[in-house]
Amino acid sequence: MLILFSLDRFNRIDRLFSQLTGDTPVAATPAYDLQKRDANNYLLTVSVPGWKEEELEIETVGGNLNITGKHTEETVEDQTHWIYRGIRKADFQLSFSLPEHAKVNNAKLEQGLLLVEIYQEIPESEKPKKLP
């Protein structure tokens, strides 16, 4: 006999505390990595398996990078008898504060990963200067 143990109780605890504080539950936001590629270039990688390009919105507003995912509802009648549905399809929003002089150069969806290239060029007048 197959016995499955659920880790959902941890997600329920996370949701409970999030309701009390007004924060978004950690389980409801996609995982992401931020990589510094060189002195001026960064790569933000967001895990969004199952999302279509038209369901994702990327915008910069007032020094913030906002990534929003809104699933489109499928109207096809599903006759499947689910035993368990664990693949989450909840909408989400991520927000990152961009440093000064940073801008999004490019964004693309590749194999369930949203790749956002960020470029930051500090003007010469603001770079630290070494004294002789």
C-alpha atoms as a PDB file:
ATOM      1  CA  MET A   1       0.000   0.000   0.000  1.00  0.00           C
ATOM      2  CA  LEU A   2       1.308   3.423  -0.977  1.00  0.00           C
ATOM      3  CA  ILE A   3       1.367   5.923   1.877  1.00  0.00           C
ATOM      4  CA  LEU A   4       2.053   9.583   1.134  1.00  0.00           C
ATOM      5  CA  PHE A   5       3.038  12.075   3.795  1.00  0.00           C
ATOM      6  CA  SER A   6       2.127  15.692   3.235  1.00  0.00           C
ATOM      7  CA  LEU A   7       4.300  18.646   4.137  1.00  0.00           C
ATOM      8  CA  ASP A   8       1.277  20.885   3.641  1.00  0.00           C
ATOM      9  CA  ARG A   9       0.986  21.520   7.391  1.00  0.00           C
ATOM     10  CA  PHE A  10       4.059  23.781   7.130  1.00  0.00           C
ATOM     11  CA  ASN A  11       2.405  25.723   4.319  1.00  0.00           C
ATOM     12  CA  ARG A  12      -0.730  26.091   6.475  1.00  0.00           C
ATOM     13  CA  ILE A  13       1.345  27.504   9.352  1.00  0.00           C
ATOM     14  CA  ASP A  14       3.064  29.904   6.930  1.00  0.00           C
ATOM     15  CA  ARG A  15      -0.334  31.047   5.598  1.00  0.00           C
ATOM     16  CA  LEU A  16      -1.691  31.532   9.140  1.00  0.00           C
ATOM     17  CA  PHE A  17       1.186  33.795  10.193  1.00  0.00           C
ATOM     18  CA  SER A  18       0.989  35.629   6.885  1.00  0.00           C
ATOM     19  CA  GLN A  19      -2.705  36.354   7.440  1.00  0.00           C
ATOM     20  CA  LEU A  20      -1.891  37.771  10.876  1.00  0.00           C
ATOM     21  CA  THR A  21       0.935  39.992   9.622  1.00  0.00           C
ATOM     22  CA  GLY A  22      -0.495  40.843   6.199  1.00  0.00           C
ATOM     23  CA  ASP A  23       2.585  39.474   4.428  1.00  0.00           C
ATOM     24  CA  THR A  24       2.540  37.183   1.411  1.00  0.00           C
ATOM     25  CA  PRO A  25       3.200  33.577   2.459  1.00  0.00           C
ATOM     26  CA  VAL A  26       6.665  32.360   1.494  1.00  0.00           C
ATOM     27  CA  ALA A  27       5.088  29.273  -0.092  1.00  0.00           C
ATOM     28  CA  ALA A  28       3.046  31.533  -2.417  1.00  0.00           C
ATOM     29  CA  THR A  29       6.045  33.223  -4.023  1.00  0.00           C
ATOM     30  CA  PRO A  30       8.317  31.611  -6.594  1.00  0.00           C
ATOM     31  CA  ALA A  31      11.905  30.778  -5.740  1.00  0.00           C
ATOM     32  CA  TYR A  32      14.587  32.986  -7.272  1.00  0.00           C
ATOM     33  CA  ASP A  33      18.358  33.379  -7.570  1.00  0.00           C
ATOM     34  CA  LEU A  34      20.327  36.590  -8.019  1.00  0.00           C
ATOM     35  CA  GLN A  35      23.744  36.288  -9.625  1.00  0.00           C
ATOM     36  CA  LYS A  36      26.426  38.949 -10.090  1.00  0.00           C
ATOM     37  CA  ARG A  37      27.967  38.210 -13.484  1.00  0.00           C
ATOM     38  CA  ASP A  38      30.569  40.997 -13.508  1.00  0.00           C
ATOM     39  CA  ALA A  39      31.024  44.534 -12.173  1.00  0.00           C
ATOM     40  CA  ASN A  40      27.943  45.881 -13.993  1.00  0.00           C
ATOM     41  CA  ASN A  41      25.713  42.903 -14.897  1.00  0.00           C
ATOM     42  CA  TYR A  42      23.350  40.841 -12.778  1.00  0.00           C
ATOM     43  CA  LEU A  43      21.033  37.940 -13.598  1.00  0.00           C
ATOM     44  CA  LEU A  44      17.786  37.397 -11.708  1.00  0.00           C
ATOM     45  CA  THR A  45      16.399  33.879 -12.281  1.00  0.00           C
ATOM     46  CA  VAL A  46      12.819  33.198 -11.150  1.00  0.00           C
ATOM     47  CA  SER A  47      11.394  29.668 -11.108  1.00  0.00           C
ATOM     48  CA  VAL A  48       8.031  29.767 -12.925  1.00  0.00           C
ATOM     49  CA  PRO A  49       7.333  26.248 -14.259  1.00  0.00           C
ATOM     50  CA  GLY A  50       4.053  25.943 -16.126  1.00  0.00           C
ATOM     51  CA  TRP A  51       3.696  29.691 -16.697  1.00  0.00           C
ATOM     52  CA  LYS A  52       3.230  31.122 -20.187  1.00  0.00           C
ATOM     53  CA  GLU A  53       4.992  34.295 -21.328  1.00  0.00           C
ATOM     54  CA  GLU A  54       1.686  36.163 -21.671  1.00  0.00           C
ATOM     55  CA  GLU A  55       0.826  35.359 -18.024  1.00  0.00           C
ATOM     56  CA  LEU A  56       3.937  37.150 -16.712  1.00  0.00           C
ATOM     57  CA  GLU A  57       4.405  40.911 -16.439  1.00  0.00           C
ATOM     58  CA  ILE A  58       7.715  42.625 -15.722  1.00  0.00           C
ATOM     59  CA  GLU A  59       7.836  46.352 -14.995  1.00  0.00           C
ATOM     60  CA  THR A  60      10.035  48.896 -13.290  1.00  0.00           C
ATOM     61  CA  VAL A  61       8.289  51.581 -11.269  1.00  0.00           C
ATOM     62  CA  GLY A  62       9.999  54.152  -9.065  1.00  0.00           C
ATOM     63  CA  GLY A  63      13.196  52.163  -8.587  1.00  0.00           C
ATOM     64  CA  ASN A  64      11.408  48.845  -8.063  1.00  0.00           C
ATOM     65  CA  LEU A  65      11.365  45.801 -10.313  1.00  0.00           C
ATOM     66  CA  ASN A  66       7.934  44.143 -10.128  1.00  0.00           C
ATOM     67  CA  ILE A  67       7.241  40.675 -11.512  1.00  0.00           C
ATOM     68  CA  THR A  68       3.604  39.590 -11.545  1.00  0.00           C
ATOM     69  CA  GLY A  69       2.137  36.263 -12.581  1.00  0.00           C
ATOM     70  CA  LYS A  70      -1.578  35.874 -13.316  1.00  0.00           C
ATOM     71  CA  HIS A  71      -2.778  32.508 -14.570  1.00  0.00           C
ATOM     72  CA  THR A  72      -5.412  32.561 -17.264  1.00  0.00           C
ATOM     73  CA  GLU A  73      -8.302  30.296 -16.403  1.00  0.00           C
ATOM     74  CA  GLU A  74      -8.925  27.413 -18.753  1.00  0.00           C
ATOM     75  CA  THR A  75     -12.606  26.910 -19.459  1.00  0.00           C
ATOM     76  CA  VAL A  76     -12.285  23.345 -20.715  1.00  0.00           C
ATOM     77  CA  GLU A  77     -14.413  21.077 -18.563  1.00  0.00           C
ATOM     78  CA  ASP A  78     -12.133  18.640 -16.785  1.00  0.00           C
ATOM     79  CA  GLN A  79     -13.551  15.167 -16.141  1.00  0.00           C
ATOM     80  CA  THR A  80     -10.451  13.987 -14.271  1.00  0.00           C
ATOM     81  CA  HIS A  81     -11.036  12.561 -10.803  1.00  0.00           C
ATOM     82  CA  TRP A  82      -8.177  14.025  -8.793  1.00  0.00           C
ATOM     83  CA  ILE A  83      -6.737  12.058  -5.897  1.00  0.00           C
ATOM     84  CA  TYR A  84      -4.389  14.895  -5.008  1.00  0.00           C
ATOM     85  CA  ARG A  85      -3.607  18.242  -6.655  1.00  0.00           C
ATOM     86  CA  GLY A  86      -0.308  19.611  -5.420  1.00  0.00           C
ATOM     87  CA  ILE A  87       0.800  21.700  -8.382  1.00  0.00           C
ATOM     88  CA  ARG A  88       0.157  25.265  -7.339  1.00  0.00           C
ATOM     89  CA  LYS A  89      -1.369  27.666  -9.831  1.00  0.00           C
ATOM     90  CA  ALA A  90      -1.741  30.706  -7.608  1.00  0.00           C
ATOM     91  CA  ASP A  91      -1.085  34.223  -8.863  1.00  0.00           C
ATOM     92  CA  PHE A  92       1.980  35.917  -7.415  1.00  0.00           C
ATOM     93  CA  GLN A  93       3.867  39.199  -7.228  1.00  0.00           C
ATOM     94  CA  LEU A  94       7.563  39.707  -6.509  1.00  0.00           C
ATOM     95  CA  SER A  95       9.073  43.129  -5.921  1.00  0.00           C
ATOM     96  CA  PHE A  96      12.765  44.024  -5.799  1.00  0.00           C
ATOM     97  CA  SER A  97      14.355  47.385  -4.983  1.00  0.00           C
ATOM     98  CA  LEU A  98      16.775  48.249  -7.754  1.00  0.00           C
ATOM     99  CA  PRO A  99      19.976  50.061  -6.840  1.00  0.00           C
ATOM    100  CA  GLU A 100      20.568  53.524  -8.243  1.00  0.00           C
ATOM    101  CA  HIS A 101      21.510  53.604 -11.953  1.00  0.00           C
ATOM    102  CA  ALA A 102      20.208  50.044 -12.538  1.00  0.00           C
ATOM    103  CA  LYS A 103      17.930  49.109 -15.412  1.00  0.00           C
ATOM    104  CA  VAL A 104      16.446  45.931 -16.852  1.00  0.00           C
ATOM    105  CA  ASN A 105      18.172  45.110 -20.129  1.00  0.00           C
ATOM    106  CA  ASN A 106      16.326  41.961 -21.149  1.00  0.00           C
ATOM    107  CA  ALA A 107      13.896  39.328 -19.911  1.00  0.00           C
ATOM    108  CA  LYS A 108      13.085  35.936 -21.379  1.00  0.00           C
ATOM    109  CA  LEU A 109      11.307  32.739 -20.402  1.00  0.00           C
ATOM    110  CA  GLU A 110      13.373  29.575 -20.874  1.00  0.00           C
ATOM    111  CA  GLN A 111      12.416  26.061 -19.724  1.00  0.00           C
ATOM    112  CA  GLY A 112      10.323  27.242 -16.771  1.00  0.00           C
ATOM    113  CA  LEU A 113      12.809  29.921 -15.708  1.00  0.00           C
ATOM    114  CA  LEU A 114      12.285  33.649 -16.107  1.00  0.00           C
ATOM    115  CA  LEU A 115      15.694  35.219 -16.785  1.00  0.00           C
ATOM    116  CA  VAL A 116      15.923  38.958 -16.101  1.00  0.00           C
ATOM    117  CA  GLU A 117      19.159  40.729 -17.041  1.00  0.00           C
ATOM    118  CA  ILE A 118      19.918  43.828 -14.967  1.00  0.00           C
ATOM    119  CA  TYR A 119      22.620  46.351 -15.843  1.00  0.00           C
ATOM    120  CA  GLN A 120      24.039  48.940 -13.461  1.00  0.00           C
ATOM    121  CA  GLU A 121      26.504  51.564 -14.612  1.00  0.00           C
ATOM    122  CA  ILE A 122      27.754  53.980 -12.011  1.00  0.00           C
ATOM    123  CA  PRO A 123      28.760  57.324 -13.545  1.00  0.00           C
ATOM    124  CA  GLU A 124      32.461  58.205 -13.291  1.00  0.00           C
ATOM    125  CA  SER A 125      31.619  61.190 -11.089  1.00  0.00           C
ATOM    126  CA  GLU A 126      30.094  58.840  -8.459  1.00  0.00           C
ATOM    127  CA  LYS A 127      32.739  56.100  -8.509  1.00  0.00           C
ATOM    128  CA  PRO A 128      35.142  55.945  -5.569  1.00  0.00           C
ATOM    129  CA  LYS A 129      38.455  57.617  -6.293  1.00  0.00           C
ATOM    130  CA  LYS A 130      41.820  56.519  -4.927  1.00  0.00           C
ATOM    131  CA  LEU A 131      44.107  59.190  -3.613  1.00  0.00           C
ATOM    132  CA  PRO A 132      47.755  59.099  -4.737  1.00  0.00           C
END
